[in-house]
Amino acid sequence: MTHFTVPARNEVSESNQAIFDNLQKGLGFVPNLYATFALNDTALGDYLTLQNRKSTLRAKEREVINLVVSQVNECLYCLSAHTALGKMNGFTDEQILEIRSAEVSFDAKLDALAKFVKDATIKRGKPSAEAVENLFVAGYTKANLVDILIVIGDKIISNFLHGVTQISIDFPVAQPLEEVYA
């Protein structure tokens, strides 16, 4: 069985080494999942460009999408990373658990977003007409919808990369919802 290890700086291309240096400077470390993208000469840069593109969505809305998609796809790495990022964006532990459950009691607009994202992710891009309508009724626009789908796609990529590689989690590990509510 193939085993994946996180590549060190000296094991990646020169262009990826420069990205590692920027991540180290900006974040204080190179997250293992980002380093795993560097197994390919261009994937890390491409992925970071996708993640950092201009968006009509606020950072909190992007974190809702990241958390819901990662919950649906059962990606513990991304749940752990985005729990930390969610807290940095002002969500409490309890709010993060609600978001992951797609039952957001503290914000009706984010609730519509979470429900839409969950439905779209579970149904592989074919959410119910009700979920789409509720998204628009909550105040999201067609431009927002495009950005929401791009963030869903972004998160599916990272969820799948971790799902295949199972590289170690270098964030405080998020608890599974079942354990939290047991």
C-alpha atoms as a PDB file:
ATOM      1  CA  MET A   1       0.000   0.000   0.000  1.00  0.00           C
ATOM      2  CA  THR A   2       1.331   3.442  -0.915  1.00  0.00           C
ATOM      3  CA  HIS A   3       2.242   5.591   2.072  1.00  0.00           C
ATOM      4  CA  PHE A   4       2.341   9.386   1.816  1.00  0.00           C
ATOM      5  CA  THR A   5       4.668  11.588   3.788  1.00  0.00           C
ATOM      6  CA  VAL A   6       4.662  15.353   3.934  1.00  0.00           C
ATOM      7  CA  PRO A   7       7.448  16.628   1.682  1.00  0.00           C
ATOM      8  CA  ALA A   8      10.115  18.800   3.283  1.00  0.00           C
ATOM      9  CA  ARG A   9      11.183  22.085   1.709  1.00  0.00           C
ATOM     10  CA  ASN A  10      14.289  20.509   0.130  1.00  0.00           C
ATOM     11  CA  GLU A  11      12.115  17.815  -1.521  1.00  0.00           C
ATOM     12  CA  VAL A  12       9.957  20.181  -3.570  1.00  0.00           C
ATOM     13  CA  SER A  13      10.548  22.300  -6.673  1.00  0.00           C
ATOM     14  CA  GLU A  14      12.220  25.680  -6.469  1.00  0.00           C
ATOM     15  CA  SER A  15       8.916  27.473  -7.108  1.00  0.00           C
ATOM     16  CA  ASN A  16       7.278  25.487  -4.311  1.00  0.00           C
ATOM     17  CA  GLN A  17      10.204  26.278  -2.010  1.00  0.00           C
ATOM     18  CA  ALA A  18       9.455  29.975  -2.533  1.00  0.00           C
ATOM     19  CA  ILE A  19       5.796  29.352  -1.651  1.00  0.00           C
ATOM     20  CA  PHE A  20       6.882  27.401   1.457  1.00  0.00           C
ATOM     21  CA  ASP A  21       9.012  30.401   2.476  1.00  0.00           C
ATOM     22  CA  ASN A  22       6.046  32.781   2.039  1.00  0.00           C
ATOM     23  CA  LEU A  23       3.755  30.474   4.016  1.00  0.00           C
ATOM     24  CA  GLN A  24       6.364  30.173   6.763  1.00  0.00           C
ATOM     25  CA  LYS A  25       6.652  33.955   6.895  1.00  0.00           C
ATOM     26  CA  GLY A  26       2.896  34.571   6.831  1.00  0.00           C
ATOM     27  CA  LEU A  27       1.528  31.692   8.911  1.00  0.00           C
ATOM     28  CA  GLY A  28       4.558  30.705  10.930  1.00  0.00           C
ATOM     29  CA  PHE A  29       4.488  27.197   9.423  1.00  0.00           C
ATOM     30  CA  VAL A  30       3.639  25.310   6.231  1.00  0.00           C
ATOM     31  CA  PRO A  31       0.432  23.341   6.810  1.00  0.00           C
ATOM     32  CA  ASN A  32       0.905  19.672   5.952  1.00  0.00           C
ATOM     33  CA  LEU A  33      -1.917  19.683   3.422  1.00  0.00           C
ATOM     34  CA  TYR A  34      -0.383  22.632   1.559  1.00  0.00           C
ATOM     35  CA  ALA A  35       2.972  20.855   1.581  1.00  0.00           C
ATOM     36  CA  THR A  36       1.265  17.782   0.118  1.00  0.00           C
ATOM     37  CA  PHE A  37       0.025  19.854  -2.824  1.00  0.00           C
ATOM     38  CA  ALA A  38       3.740  20.543  -3.478  1.00  0.00           C
ATOM     39  CA  LEU A  39       4.223  16.911  -4.549  1.00  0.00           C
ATOM     40  CA  ASN A  40       3.273  18.460  -7.901  1.00  0.00           C
ATOM     41  CA  ASP A  41       5.343  21.358  -9.267  1.00  0.00           C
ATOM     42  CA  THR A  42       2.367  23.655  -9.952  1.00  0.00           C
ATOM     43  CA  ALA A  43      -0.550  22.411  -7.827  1.00  0.00           C
ATOM     44  CA  LEU A  44       0.285  24.340  -4.646  1.00  0.00           C
ATOM     45  CA  GLY A  45       0.518  27.664  -6.462  1.00  0.00           C
ATOM     46  CA  ASP A  46      -2.623  26.910  -8.448  1.00  0.00           C
ATOM     47  CA  TYR A  47      -4.533  25.918  -5.321  1.00  0.00           C
ATOM     48  CA  LEU A  48      -3.449  29.015  -3.385  1.00  0.00           C
ATOM     49  CA  THR A  49      -4.468  31.197  -6.341  1.00  0.00           C
ATOM     50  CA  LEU A  50      -7.919  29.577  -6.258  1.00  0.00           C
ATOM     51  CA  GLN A  51      -8.187  30.030  -2.491  1.00  0.00           C
ATOM     52  CA  ASN A  52      -7.069  33.650  -2.560  1.00  0.00           C
ATOM     53  CA  ARG A  53      -9.119  34.820  -5.538  1.00  0.00           C
ATOM     54  CA  LYS A  54     -11.304  37.893  -5.155  1.00  0.00           C
ATOM     55  CA  SER A  55     -14.758  36.903  -3.908  1.00  0.00           C
ATOM     56  CA  THR A  56     -18.151  38.439  -3.231  1.00  0.00           C
ATOM     57  CA  LEU A  57     -18.272  36.404  -0.009  1.00  0.00           C
ATOM     58  CA  ARG A  58     -17.085  37.525   3.415  1.00  0.00           C
ATOM     59  CA  ALA A  59     -14.429  35.480   5.213  1.00  0.00           C
ATOM     60  CA  LYS A  60     -17.048  34.151   7.658  1.00  0.00           C
ATOM     61  CA  GLU A  61     -19.215  32.939   4.779  1.00  0.00           C
ATOM     62  CA  ARG A  62     -16.247  31.142   3.199  1.00  0.00           C
ATOM     63  CA  GLU A  63     -15.544  29.461   6.552  1.00  0.00           C
ATOM     64  CA  VAL A  64     -19.165  28.285   6.751  1.00  0.00           C
ATOM     65  CA  ILE A  65     -18.734  26.661   3.330  1.00  0.00           C
ATOM     66  CA  ASN A  66     -15.366  25.139   4.281  1.00  0.00           C
ATOM     67  CA  LEU A  67     -16.762  23.653   7.495  1.00  0.00           C
ATOM     68  CA  VAL A  68     -19.962  22.267   5.961  1.00  0.00           C
ATOM     69  CA  VAL A  69     -18.240  20.686   2.947  1.00  0.00           C
ATOM     70  CA  SER A  70     -15.530  19.192   5.161  1.00  0.00           C
ATOM     71  CA  GLN A  71     -18.201  17.782   7.501  1.00  0.00           C
ATOM     72  CA  VAL A  72     -20.133  16.208   4.626  1.00  0.00           C
ATOM     73  CA  ASN A  73     -16.911  14.734   3.223  1.00  0.00           C
ATOM     74  CA  GLU A  74     -15.737  13.657   6.708  1.00  0.00           C
ATOM     75  CA  CYS A  75     -12.340  15.337   6.255  1.00  0.00           C
ATOM     76  CA  LEU A  76     -10.875  15.588   9.739  1.00  0.00           C
ATOM     77  CA  TYR A  77      -7.839  17.555   8.518  1.00  0.00           C
ATOM     78  CA  CYS A  78      -9.967  20.297   6.949  1.00  0.00           C
ATOM     79  CA  LEU A  79     -12.449  20.287   9.842  1.00  0.00           C
ATOM     80  CA  SER A  80      -9.529  20.818  12.210  1.00  0.00           C
ATOM     81  CA  ALA A  81      -7.940  23.572  10.101  1.00  0.00           C
ATOM     82  CA  HIS A  82     -11.226  25.388   9.530  1.00  0.00           C
ATOM     83  CA  THR A  83     -12.285  25.093  13.154  1.00  0.00           C
ATOM     84  CA  ALA A  84      -9.113  27.056  13.970  1.00  0.00           C
ATOM     85  CA  LEU A  85      -9.762  29.507  11.109  1.00  0.00           C
ATOM     86  CA  GLY A  86     -13.421  29.820  12.101  1.00  0.00           C
ATOM     87  CA  LYS A  87     -12.364  30.861  15.602  1.00  0.00           C
ATOM     88  CA  MET A  88      -9.925  33.384  14.089  1.00  0.00           C
ATOM     89  CA  ASN A  89     -12.895  34.787  12.137  1.00  0.00           C
ATOM     90  CA  GLY A  90     -14.966  35.245  15.291  1.00  0.00           C
ATOM     91  CA  PHE A  91     -17.036  32.074  15.572  1.00  0.00           C
ATOM     92  CA  THR A  92     -17.356  30.401  18.978  1.00  0.00           C
ATOM     93  CA  ASP A  93     -16.883  26.659  19.511  1.00  0.00           C
ATOM     94  CA  GLU A  94     -20.662  26.194  19.775  1.00  0.00           C
ATOM     95  CA  GLN A  95     -21.296  28.206  16.599  1.00  0.00           C
ATOM     96  CA  ILE A  96     -18.746  26.092  14.714  1.00  0.00           C
ATOM     97  CA  LEU A  97     -20.566  22.927  15.789  1.00  0.00           C
ATOM     98  CA  GLU A  98     -23.864  24.407  14.605  1.00  0.00           C
ATOM     99  CA  ILE A  99     -22.292  25.339  11.274  1.00  0.00           C
ATOM    100  CA  ARG A 100     -20.899  21.829  10.827  1.00  0.00           C
ATOM    101  CA  SER A 101     -24.409  20.466  11.490  1.00  0.00           C
ATOM    102  CA  ALA A 102     -25.903  22.977   8.998  1.00  0.00           C
ATOM    103  CA  GLU A 103     -28.255  24.127  11.766  1.00  0.00           C
ATOM    104  CA  VAL A 104     -27.157  27.729  12.345  1.00  0.00           C
ATOM    105  CA  SER A 105     -29.458  29.210  14.999  1.00  0.00           C
ATOM    106  CA  PHE A 106     -27.472  32.438  15.475  1.00  0.00           C
ATOM    107  CA  ASP A 107     -27.710  33.851  11.915  1.00  0.00           C
ATOM    108  CA  ALA A 108     -30.549  33.195   9.450  1.00  0.00           C
ATOM    109  CA  LYS A 109     -28.487  34.135   6.392  1.00  0.00           C
ATOM    110  CA  LEU A 110     -25.616  31.817   7.366  1.00  0.00           C
ATOM    111  CA  ASP A 111     -28.188  29.101   8.105  1.00  0.00           C
ATOM    112  CA  ALA A 112     -29.523  29.317   4.534  1.00  0.00           C
ATOM    113  CA  LEU A 113     -25.953  29.209   3.251  1.00  0.00           C
ATOM    114  CA  ALA A 114     -25.039  26.177   5.364  1.00  0.00           C
ATOM    115  CA  LYS A 115     -28.168  24.292   4.326  1.00  0.00           C
ATOM    116  CA  PHE A 116     -27.579  25.082   0.640  1.00  0.00           C
ATOM    117  CA  VAL A 117     -23.925  24.000   0.841  1.00  0.00           C
ATOM    118  CA  LYS A 118     -24.800  20.761   2.624  1.00  0.00           C
ATOM    119  CA  ASP A 119     -27.512  19.934   0.071  1.00  0.00           C
ATOM    120  CA  ALA A 120     -25.326  20.862  -2.922  1.00  0.00           C
ATOM    121  CA  THR A 121     -22.386  18.826  -1.590  1.00  0.00           C
ATOM    122  CA  ILE A 122     -24.408  15.733  -0.678  1.00  0.00           C
ATOM    123  CA  LYS A 123     -26.260  15.826  -3.995  1.00  0.00           C
ATOM    124  CA  ARG A 124     -23.058  16.427  -6.013  1.00  0.00           C
ATOM    125  CA  GLY A 125     -23.999  19.835  -7.354  1.00  0.00           C
ATOM    126  CA  LYS A 126     -27.724  19.267  -7.719  1.00  0.00           C
ATOM    127  CA  PRO A 127     -29.300  20.914  -4.656  1.00  0.00           C
ATOM    128  CA  SER A 128     -33.053  21.055  -4.240  1.00  0.00           C
ATOM    129  CA  ALA A 129     -34.958  23.978  -5.733  1.00  0.00           C
ATOM    130  CA  GLU A 130     -35.972  24.844  -2.169  1.00  0.00           C
ATOM    131  CA  ALA A 131     -32.346  25.113  -1.008  1.00  0.00           C
ATOM    132  CA  VAL A 132     -31.536  27.382  -3.970  1.00  0.00           C
ATOM    133  CA  GLU A 133     -34.611  29.554  -3.400  1.00  0.00           C
ATOM    134  CA  ASN A 134     -33.907  29.831   0.342  1.00  0.00           C
ATOM    135  CA  LEU A 135     -30.362  30.966  -0.464  1.00  0.00           C
ATOM    136  CA  PHE A 136     -31.700  33.814  -2.621  1.00  0.00           C
ATOM    137  CA  VAL A 137     -34.467  34.704  -0.145  1.00  0.00           C
ATOM    138  CA  ALA A 138     -31.766  35.011   2.539  1.00  0.00           C
ATOM    139  CA  GLY A 139     -30.105  37.721   0.446  1.00  0.00           C
ATOM    140  CA  TYR A 140     -27.507  35.925  -1.648  1.00  0.00           C
ATOM    141  CA  THR A 141     -27.154  36.911  -5.314  1.00  0.00           C
ATOM    142  CA  LYS A 142     -26.365  34.954  -8.462  1.00  0.00           C
ATOM    143  CA  ALA A 143     -22.793  36.296  -8.252  1.00  0.00           C
ATOM    144  CA  ASN A 144     -22.611  34.977  -4.678  1.00  0.00           C
ATOM    145  CA  LEU A 145     -23.901  31.610  -5.912  1.00  0.00           C
ATOM    146  CA  VAL A 146     -20.990  31.320  -8.349  1.00  0.00           C
ATOM    147  CA  ASP A 147     -18.526  32.144  -5.559  1.00  0.00           C
ATOM    148  CA  ILE A 148     -20.218  29.655  -3.216  1.00  0.00           C
ATOM    149  CA  LEU A 149     -19.802  26.902  -5.802  1.00  0.00           C
ATOM    150  CA  ILE A 150     -16.147  27.820  -6.361  1.00  0.00           C
ATOM    151  CA  VAL A 151     -15.462  27.565  -2.613  1.00  0.00           C
ATOM    152  CA  ILE A 152     -17.300  24.217  -2.489  1.00  0.00           C
ATOM    153  CA  GLY A 153     -15.073  22.977  -5.317  1.00  0.00           C
ATOM    154  CA  ASP A 154     -11.946  24.332  -3.609  1.00  0.00           C
ATOM    155  CA  LYS A 155     -12.813  22.493  -0.410  1.00  0.00           C
ATOM    156  CA  ILE A 156     -13.664  19.244  -2.205  1.00  0.00           C
ATOM    157  CA  ILE A 157     -10.164  19.304  -3.745  1.00  0.00           C
ATOM    158  CA  SER A 158      -8.466  19.592  -0.355  1.00  0.00           C
ATOM    159  CA  ASN A 159     -10.872  17.086   1.257  1.00  0.00           C
ATOM    160  CA  PHE A 160     -10.054  14.561  -1.460  1.00  0.00           C
ATOM    161  CA  LEU A 161      -6.304  15.178  -1.216  1.00  0.00           C
ATOM    162  CA  HIS A 162      -6.396  14.438   2.495  1.00  0.00           C
ATOM    163  CA  GLY A 163      -8.766  11.522   1.995  1.00  0.00           C
ATOM    164  CA  VAL A 164      -6.297   9.845  -0.342  1.00  0.00           C
ATOM    165  CA  THR A 165      -3.042  10.757   1.417  1.00  0.00           C
ATOM    166  CA  GLN A 166      -4.147  10.698   5.080  1.00  0.00           C
ATOM    167  CA  ILE A 167      -1.216  12.965   5.967  1.00  0.00           C
ATOM    168  CA  SER A 168      -0.961  13.946   9.616  1.00  0.00           C
ATOM    169  CA  ILE A 169      -3.109  16.749  11.022  1.00  0.00           C
ATOM    170  CA  ASP A 170      -1.065  19.719  12.234  1.00  0.00           C
ATOM    171  CA  PHE A 171      -3.935  21.710  13.797  1.00  0.00           C
ATOM    172  CA  PRO A 172      -5.803  21.022  17.057  1.00  0.00           C
ATOM    173  CA  VAL A 173      -7.982  18.065  16.066  1.00  0.00           C
ATOM    174  CA  ALA A 174     -11.696  18.831  15.730  1.00  0.00           C
ATOM    175  CA  GLN A 175     -13.991  16.453  17.578  1.00  0.00           C
ATOM    176  CA  PRO A 176     -16.379  14.357  15.507  1.00  0.00           C
ATOM    177  CA  LEU A 177     -19.941  15.672  15.883  1.00  0.00           C
ATOM    178  CA  GLU A 178     -21.139  12.338  17.243  1.00  0.00           C
ATOM    179  CA  GLU A 179     -18.726  12.594  20.182  1.00  0.00           C
ATOM    180  CA  VAL A 180     -19.660  16.199  20.852  1.00  0.00           C
ATOM    181  CA  TYR A 181     -23.377  15.443  21.010  1.00  0.00           C
ATOM    182  CA  ALA A 182     -23.139  11.968  22.589  1.00  0.00           C
END
